[in-house]
Every structure is written in structure tokens, then in C-alpha cells.
Amino acid sequence: MDEVIIIGAGGFGKHLKLNLKNFNEGNLVFKGFFDKNIKTKSKFNEKNIKQNFKNYIFANGIGNFAFKWYPKVFLNYKKKGFKFINLVHDTSVLSKSVKIGYGTTLMENSLIKSNSIIGNFCVINSSSIISHDVSVGDYSHISLGAKVGGNCKIGKNSFLGINSTIIQGIKIGSNSIIGAGAVVTKNVGDNVVVIGNPAFEYRDNN
């Protein structure tokens, strides 16, 4: 059994804690949360983790959209020597040819098909489908029920909303947001928000 510290004690992190027995074939034991904002008895912070962090493994429990600080914080932890694992739910299905980085979380009933590559610190949420030959950049979040067609490329730090659909062969830039239920039929650039069916760029004119 490996003792796991979950980074992030919000709703997503707490869900992982309660269901940890269903990940990685039940070989994980919850040790605590690593979070500076949430008050909990099983809490670690920058001060009390320094002396013994090498005794534990760490998992990504942050389910919110990747804020600007998110990559910097995780890279900083990695440089300090934190050992990150992937959390893979027992009901998720992965082709043998799929490659996954470190610190990535695969939730219930997620499906990833052949020759796809998933980056570091990603969240592949429940009932999402990633088809063949897809690449997903670091720090990206594929939301509940989202579907990504074959030969797509998802840039770093991007967010695919609930039940969104990315048509085959589409490229999504870095730091972009795909709205819930959007159907993306054209390439999306960096730092763009798209919504609707077919998806179009959203611009706040206020």
C-alpha cells in the first residue's frame, strides 16, 4: 500500500479521498491533504511537509479550471522532489498504446483510445471519451462527458466543458476554454473562449 497526499482539499480532492479505494486497483491509502486554504485535521502545508515529504506520493486533486498559478505551483513541487502518481479509476478504459505523463487523474468510466498521449497534471473527468491519436497538453481538463475525436490536438492548460464535442482532426490552442455543450468544427487558437453549436468565439464587449 502506498500512502497518498492529495494536493487540493476542495470538492474534487474530497471526492478522490472518499473513493481512493477505487483507484489504482485499491493499492492507495489516504494520508492527508496538501492545501494552504482549507482547514482540515488531515492537512499538510509548506511548513509541516518539508521534513518528510519524501516518505509519501502525491496526487492531483485540483478539479477547477487551470488558473494561471496552477502550472507554476506544480512545477515548483516537482522541482522540490515531490513524487507524483497518476490516479486511474478502476472503471476507466485505456488502450495499451496510450501514454500518460505524471500527476494525471482519470475518473470513472473515462475512455482513451489507441495511440493517444495525455500530458502531465491533466484531469480526464468521468464518462469523457478521447479517441485515437489525440494529444492533450499538460494541465488540461477534459470535463464530464466531453468527447474528443481522432487526430485532435489539445494545447496546454486548456479546458473542455461538460458534454462538449471536438470534431475529428481539430486543433485547440493553449489556455483556451471550450464551453459546455459546444460543438467545435474549426480550429481554435490560443487564449480563446468558444461556445455554441457550431462553436464560435465568445467576446465580452462590456
Foldseek 3Di string as FASTA:
>chain_A
DAEEEEEDDPPQLVVCQVCVCQWPVRPYDYQAYEYDPDDDPRYDYPVVCLPPQVRHAYAYRDQDQQDPCNVVVVVVVVVSPHHFAETEGNQEEEDPQEAEETREYEEHHEYEEHPEYEYHNEYEYHCEYHYYCEYAEAREYEDAQEYEAACEYHEAREYEEANEYEDHNEYEEYNEYEYHPEYDDHHHYYNFYWYDVPIDTDDDPD
